[in-house]
Amino acid sequence: MNEQELIQQLKQRNESAFRWMVENYRNRVYSTVFNILQDREEAEDVAQETFIQVFESVNSFKEQSSLSTWIYRIAVRKALDKIRRRKTRQKLNQLLPWWMPNEKKSAGTSFNHPGILIENKEKAAVLFKAIKLLPEQQQLVFTLIKVQGMNYEETCAILQKNVKAVESLMSRATVNLQKKLEGYYKNLNK
């Protein structure tokens, strides 16, 4: 099924087309949001929310970008919303710990990325922790390009930014990560 046929069937609320779309995009959508959120449960929720929104709003899809770009744009937006809500909840929990006593603590306590070999887990955990310290836009660009393996054009389309802006963000993210990781590698070589 080509993209145009898929879009038309989705607009007609065809369930088998929706299942086909989910089947073909779910792993990459999940991987993208997992790399942004670093939390399995939240990534699963965001991936599911992404496909629900795609199904509900496909009639408003203007086809100015590819379907996959539109899907990833929704996924990234939802992941960022989740991060913002998480930060707000963490601030509230610090101010009013009695208000949310059962609130899940930050996902930084253990690192379990499905695509990383056991012998590389420590290095990967340090890298992902450093990525989380980057400003939001740098974090996104670095994650999409270096972690997800997307090219600059895809990243530009998803983030709705021009190539110069994405290149600049990538350059700043790389410099900032090098600074943040400098101490780790100095200690590693001692």
C-alpha atoms as a PDB file:
ATOM      1  CA  MET A   1       0.000   0.000   0.000  1.00  0.00           C
ATOM      2  CA  ASN A   2       1.505   3.337  -0.955  1.00  0.00           C
ATOM      3  CA  GLU A   3       1.328   6.398   1.262  1.00  0.00           C
ATOM      4  CA  GLN A   4      -1.447   8.126  -0.691  1.00  0.00           C
ATOM      5  CA  GLU A   5      -3.682   5.036  -0.496  1.00  0.00           C
ATOM      6  CA  LEU A   6      -2.934   4.691   3.208  1.00  0.00           C
ATOM      7  CA  ILE A   7      -3.862   8.316   3.882  1.00  0.00           C
ATOM      8  CA  GLN A   8      -7.130   7.991   1.966  1.00  0.00           C
ATOM      9  CA  GLN A   9      -8.054   4.787   3.806  1.00  0.00           C
ATOM     10  CA  LEU A  10      -7.184   6.373   7.144  1.00  0.00           C
ATOM     11  CA  LYS A  11      -9.401   9.335   6.283  1.00  0.00           C
ATOM     12  CA  GLN A  12     -12.204   6.845   5.568  1.00  0.00           C
ATOM     13  CA  ARG A  13     -11.631   5.340   9.057  1.00  0.00           C
ATOM     14  CA  ASN A  14     -10.522   1.988   7.656  1.00  0.00           C
ATOM     15  CA  GLU A  15      -9.473  -0.138  10.654  1.00  0.00           C
ATOM     16  CA  SER A  16      -7.169  -2.439   8.694  1.00  0.00           C
ATOM     17  CA  ALA A  17      -5.322   0.611   7.308  1.00  0.00           C
ATOM     18  CA  PHE A  18      -4.961   1.931  10.859  1.00  0.00           C
ATOM     19  CA  ARG A  19      -3.605  -1.448  12.037  1.00  0.00           C
ATOM     20  CA  TRP A  20      -1.187  -1.516   9.091  1.00  0.00           C
ATOM     21  CA  MET A  21       0.030   1.988   9.920  1.00  0.00           C
ATOM     22  CA  VAL A  22       0.551   1.150  13.601  1.00  0.00           C
ATOM     23  CA  GLU A  23       2.358  -2.076  12.719  1.00  0.00           C
ATOM     24  CA  ASN A  24       4.689  -0.295  10.303  1.00  0.00           C
ATOM     25  CA  TYR A  25       5.465   2.773  12.435  1.00  0.00           C
ATOM     26  CA  ARG A  26       5.196   1.622  16.044  1.00  0.00           C
ATOM     27  CA  ASN A  27       8.788   0.470  16.580  1.00  0.00           C
ATOM     28  CA  ARG A  28      10.349   3.650  15.249  1.00  0.00           C
ATOM     29  CA  VAL A  29       7.817   5.886  17.030  1.00  0.00           C
ATOM     30  CA  TYR A  30       8.383   4.014  20.282  1.00  0.00           C
ATOM     31  CA  SER A  31      12.157   4.183  19.836  1.00  0.00           C
ATOM     32  CA  THR A  32      12.015   7.916  19.121  1.00  0.00           C
ATOM     33  CA  VAL A  33       9.930   8.766  22.173  1.00  0.00           C
ATOM     34  CA  PHE A  34      11.854   6.333  24.376  1.00  0.00           C
ATOM     35  CA  ASN A  35      15.108   8.042  23.468  1.00  0.00           C
ATOM     36  CA  ILE A  36      13.562  11.388  24.389  1.00  0.00           C
ATOM     37  CA  LEU A  37      11.800  10.283  27.582  1.00  0.00           C
ATOM     38  CA  GLN A  38      14.132   7.509  28.845  1.00  0.00           C
ATOM     39  CA  ASP A  39      11.193   5.746  30.470  1.00  0.00           C
ATOM     40  CA  ARG A  40       9.520   2.612  29.053  1.00  0.00           C
ATOM     41  CA  GLU A  41       6.052   3.200  30.477  1.00  0.00           C
ATOM     42  CA  GLU A  42       5.931   6.832  29.412  1.00  0.00           C
ATOM     43  CA  ALA A  43       7.258   5.923  25.949  1.00  0.00           C
ATOM     44  CA  GLU A  44       4.555   3.277  25.554  1.00  0.00           C
ATOM     45  CA  ASP A  45       1.895   5.779  26.630  1.00  0.00           C
ATOM     46  CA  VAL A  46       3.183   8.482  24.274  1.00  0.00           C
ATOM     47  CA  ALA A  47       3.430   6.064  21.341  1.00  0.00           C
ATOM     48  CA  GLN A  48      -0.152   4.969  21.929  1.00  0.00           C
ATOM     49  CA  GLU A  49      -1.327   8.586  22.307  1.00  0.00           C
ATOM     50  CA  THR A  50       0.468   9.419  19.053  1.00  0.00           C
ATOM     51  CA  PHE A  51      -1.431   6.802  17.059  1.00  0.00           C
ATOM     52  CA  ILE A  52      -4.728   7.786  18.638  1.00  0.00           C
ATOM     53  CA  GLN A  53      -4.128  11.411  17.643  1.00  0.00           C
ATOM     54  CA  VAL A  54      -3.128  10.362  14.119  1.00  0.00           C
ATOM     55  CA  PHE A  55      -6.364   8.406  13.773  1.00  0.00           C
ATOM     56  CA  GLU A  56      -8.487  11.205  15.239  1.00  0.00           C
ATOM     57  CA  SER A  57      -6.906  14.045  13.269  1.00  0.00           C
ATOM     58  CA  VAL A  58      -5.959  12.437   9.952  1.00  0.00           C
ATOM     59  CA  ASN A  59      -8.706  14.429   8.216  1.00  0.00           C
ATOM     60  CA  SER A  60      -6.860  17.627   9.099  1.00  0.00           C
ATOM     61  CA  PHE A  61      -3.569  16.286   7.670  1.00  0.00           C
ATOM     62  CA  LYS A  62      -2.742  18.728   4.862  1.00  0.00           C
ATOM     63  CA  GLU A  63      -0.188  16.433   3.193  1.00  0.00           C
ATOM     64  CA  GLN A  64       2.453  19.175   3.093  1.00  0.00           C
ATOM     65  CA  SER A  65       4.931  16.636   4.468  1.00  0.00           C
ATOM     66  CA  SER A  66       5.127  12.866   4.335  1.00  0.00           C
ATOM     67  CA  LEU A  67       2.856  10.855   6.596  1.00  0.00           C
ATOM     68  CA  SER A  68       5.860   9.545   8.552  1.00  0.00           C
ATOM     69  CA  THR A  69       7.133  13.087   9.180  1.00  0.00           C
ATOM     70  CA  TRP A  70       3.697  14.107  10.431  1.00  0.00           C
ATOM     71  CA  ILE A  71       3.528  11.057  12.722  1.00  0.00           C
ATOM     72  CA  TYR A  72       7.001  11.729  14.179  1.00  0.00           C
ATOM     73  CA  ARG A  73       6.164  15.410  14.633  1.00  0.00           C
ATOM     74  CA  ILE A  74       3.137  14.393  16.713  1.00  0.00           C
ATOM     75  CA  ALA A  75       5.233  11.874  18.682  1.00  0.00           C
ATOM     76  CA  VAL A  76       7.980  14.400  19.445  1.00  0.00           C
ATOM     77  CA  ARG A  77       5.436  17.017  20.514  1.00  0.00           C
ATOM     78  CA  LYS A  78       3.721  14.531  22.806  1.00  0.00           C
ATOM     79  CA  ALA A  79       7.073  13.448  24.296  1.00  0.00           C
ATOM     80  CA  LEU A  80       7.982  17.083  24.976  1.00  0.00           C
ATOM     81  CA  ASP A  81       4.585  17.656  26.584  1.00  0.00           C
ATOM     82  CA  LYS A  82       5.217  14.627  28.801  1.00  0.00           C
ATOM     83  CA  ILE A  83       8.622  16.032  29.833  1.00  0.00           C
ATOM     84  CA  ARG A  84       7.071  19.413  30.650  1.00  0.00           C
ATOM     85  CA  ARG A  85       4.336  17.766  32.722  1.00  0.00           C
ATOM     86  CA  ARG A  86       6.971  15.628  34.466  1.00  0.00           C
ATOM     87  CA  LYS A  87       9.030  18.730  35.343  1.00  0.00           C
ATOM     88  CA  THR A  88       5.940  20.519  36.638  1.00  0.00           C
ATOM     89  CA  ARG A  89       4.976  17.512  38.761  1.00  0.00           C
ATOM     90  CA  GLN A  90       8.524  17.237  40.120  1.00  0.00           C
ATOM     91  CA  LYS A  91       8.497  20.913  41.106  1.00  0.00           C
ATOM     92  CA  LEU A  92       5.110  20.497  42.783  1.00  0.00           C
ATOM     93  CA  ASN A  93       6.301  17.364  44.544  1.00  0.00           C
ATOM     94  CA  GLN A  94       9.311  19.264  45.895  1.00  0.00           C
ATOM     95  CA  LEU A  95       7.111  22.096  47.116  1.00  0.00           C
ATOM     96  CA  LEU A  96       4.272  19.936  48.375  1.00  0.00           C
ATOM     97  CA  PRO A  97       5.590  16.392  48.992  1.00  0.00           C
ATOM     98  CA  TRP A  98       2.516  15.496  51.019  1.00  0.00           C
ATOM     99  CA  TRP A  99       0.280  16.275  48.033  1.00  0.00           C
ATOM    100  CA  MET A 100       1.713  13.527  45.784  1.00  0.00           C
ATOM    101  CA  PRO A 101       3.330  10.999  48.157  1.00  0.00           C
ATOM    102  CA  ASN A 102       3.161   8.103  45.678  1.00  0.00           C
ATOM    103  CA  GLU A 103       4.584  10.073  42.751  1.00  0.00           C
ATOM    104  CA  LYS A 104       7.078   8.062  40.719  1.00  0.00           C
ATOM    105  CA  LYS A 105      10.608   9.313  41.281  1.00  0.00           C
ATOM    106  CA  SER A 106      12.798  10.497  38.421  1.00  0.00           C
ATOM    107  CA  ALA A 107      13.660   7.904  35.784  1.00  0.00           C
ATOM    108  CA  GLY A 108      17.373   8.469  36.408  1.00  0.00           C
ATOM    109  CA  THR A 109      17.694   5.750  39.065  1.00  0.00           C
ATOM    110  CA  SER A 110      18.373   2.887  36.657  1.00  0.00           C
ATOM    111  CA  PHE A 111      19.302   2.737  33.023  1.00  0.00           C
ATOM    112  CA  ASN A 112      17.805   0.076  30.792  1.00  0.00           C
ATOM    113  CA  HIS A 113      17.875   0.921  27.103  1.00  0.00           C
ATOM    114  CA  PRO A 114      16.766  -2.006  24.942  1.00  0.00           C
ATOM    115  CA  GLY A 115      19.224  -1.330  22.114  1.00  0.00           C
ATOM    116  CA  ILE A 116      22.405  -1.128  24.182  1.00  0.00           C
ATOM    117  CA  LEU A 117      24.681  -4.073  24.915  1.00  0.00           C
ATOM    118  CA  ILE A 118      25.373  -4.862  28.567  1.00  0.00           C
ATOM    119  CA  GLU A 119      29.058  -3.921  28.330  1.00  0.00           C
ATOM    120  CA  ASN A 120      28.110  -0.462  27.040  1.00  0.00           C
ATOM    121  CA  LYS A 121      25.340   0.262  29.562  1.00  0.00           C
ATOM    122  CA  GLU A 122      27.491   2.433  31.856  1.00  0.00           C
ATOM    123  CA  LYS A 123      28.789   4.609  29.012  1.00  0.00           C
ATOM    124  CA  ALA A 124      25.318   4.868  27.505  1.00  0.00           C
ATOM    125  CA  ALA A 125      23.805   5.821  30.865  1.00  0.00           C
ATOM    126  CA  VAL A 126      26.376   8.601  31.252  1.00  0.00           C
ATOM    127  CA  LEU A 127      25.709   9.806  27.691  1.00  0.00           C
ATOM    128  CA  PHE A 128      21.913   9.828  28.081  1.00  0.00           C
ATOM    129  CA  LYS A 129      22.225  11.610  31.422  1.00  0.00           C
ATOM    130  CA  ALA A 130      24.375  14.276  29.709  1.00  0.00           C
ATOM    131  CA  ILE A 131      21.882  14.539  26.833  1.00  0.00           C
ATOM    132  CA  LYS A 132      19.114  15.232  29.357  1.00  0.00           C
ATOM    133  CA  LEU A 133      21.116  18.222  30.630  1.00  0.00           C
ATOM    134  CA  LEU A 134      21.120  19.902  27.207  1.00  0.00           C
ATOM    135  CA  PRO A 135      18.605  22.634  26.393  1.00  0.00           C
ATOM    136  CA  GLU A 136      15.407  21.092  25.006  1.00  0.00           C
ATOM    137  CA  GLN A 137      15.951  21.897  21.315  1.00  0.00           C
ATOM    138  CA  GLN A 138      19.579  20.707  21.370  1.00  0.00           C
ATOM    139  CA  GLN A 139      18.460  17.548  23.137  1.00  0.00           C
ATOM    140  CA  LEU A 140      15.849  16.894  20.462  1.00  0.00           C
ATOM    141  CA  VAL A 141      18.140  17.497  17.505  1.00  0.00           C
ATOM    142  CA  PHE A 142      20.927  15.360  18.964  1.00  0.00           C
ATOM    143  CA  THR A 143      18.523  12.547  19.808  1.00  0.00           C
ATOM    144  CA  LEU A 144      16.842  12.531  16.412  1.00  0.00           C
ATOM    145  CA  ILE A 145      20.079  12.693  14.417  1.00  0.00           C
ATOM    146  CA  LYS A 146      22.667  10.810  16.473  1.00  0.00           C
ATOM    147  CA  VAL A 147      20.544   8.402  18.490  1.00  0.00           C
ATOM    148  CA  GLN A 148      17.678   7.754  16.069  1.00  0.00           C
ATOM    149  CA  GLY A 149      19.830   8.029  12.966  1.00  0.00           C
ATOM    150  CA  MET A 150      17.558  10.457  11.140  1.00  0.00           C
ATOM    151  CA  ASN A 151      19.069  12.719   8.515  1.00  0.00           C
ATOM    152  CA  TYR A 152      19.020  16.511   8.677  1.00  0.00           C
ATOM    153  CA  GLU A 153      16.118  16.826   6.215  1.00  0.00           C
ATOM    154  CA  GLU A 154      13.889  14.500   8.268  1.00  0.00           C
ATOM    155  CA  THR A 155      14.835  16.317  11.457  1.00  0.00           C
ATOM    156  CA  CYS A 156      14.096  19.702   9.858  1.00  0.00           C
ATOM    157  CA  ALA A 157      10.680  18.485   8.720  1.00  0.00           C
ATOM    158  CA  ILE A 158       9.775  16.990  12.103  1.00  0.00           C
ATOM    159  CA  LEU A 159      10.890  20.042  14.083  1.00  0.00           C
ATOM    160  CA  GLN A 160       9.707  22.493  11.414  1.00  0.00           C
ATOM    161  CA  LYS A 161      13.082  24.244  11.352  1.00  0.00           C
ATOM    162  CA  ASN A 162      15.421  25.113   8.495  1.00  0.00           C
ATOM    163  CA  VAL A 163      18.703  23.284   7.896  1.00  0.00           C
ATOM    164  CA  LYS A 164      20.862  26.118   9.276  1.00  0.00           C
ATOM    165  CA  ALA A 165      18.919  26.107  12.554  1.00  0.00           C
ATOM    166  CA  VAL A 166      19.229  22.337  12.920  1.00  0.00           C
ATOM    167  CA  GLU A 167      22.937  22.414  12.046  1.00  0.00           C
ATOM    168  CA  SER A 168      23.488  25.147  14.628  1.00  0.00           C
ATOM    169  CA  LEU A 169      21.585  23.218  17.311  1.00  0.00           C
ATOM    170  CA  MET A 170      23.535  20.057  16.470  1.00  0.00           C
ATOM    171  CA  SER A 171      26.845  21.890  16.660  1.00  0.00           C
ATOM    172  CA  ARG A 172      25.985  23.457  20.024  1.00  0.00           C
ATOM    173  CA  ALA A 173      24.694  20.112  21.350  1.00  0.00           C
ATOM    174  CA  THR A 174      27.949  18.404  20.359  1.00  0.00           C
ATOM    175  CA  VAL A 175      30.104  21.086  22.019  1.00  0.00           C
ATOM    176  CA  ASN A 176      27.956  21.051  25.161  1.00  0.00           C
ATOM    177  CA  LEU A 177      28.038  17.253  25.377  1.00  0.00           C
ATOM    178  CA  GLN A 178      31.817  17.234  24.980  1.00  0.00           C
ATOM    179  CA  LYS A 179      32.077  19.674  27.898  1.00  0.00           C
ATOM    180  CA  LYS A 180      29.676  17.637  30.036  1.00  0.00           C
ATOM    181  CA  LEU A 181      31.439  14.351  29.290  1.00  0.00           C
ATOM    182  CA  GLU A 182      34.992  15.669  29.700  1.00  0.00           C
ATOM    183  CA  GLY A 183      35.116  14.862  33.411  1.00  0.00           C
ATOM    184  CA  TYR A 184      33.770  11.353  32.930  1.00  0.00           C
ATOM    185  CA  TYR A 185      36.426  10.447  30.370  1.00  0.00           C
ATOM    186  CA  LYS A 186      39.232  12.010  32.429  1.00  0.00           C
ATOM    187  CA  ASN A 187      38.209   9.831  35.395  1.00  0.00           C
ATOM    188  CA  LEU A 188      37.886   6.795  33.124  1.00  0.00           C
ATOM    189  CA  ASN A 189      41.470   7.137  31.882  1.00  0.00           C
ATOM    190  CA  LYS A 190      43.014   7.416  35.380  1.00  0.00           C
END
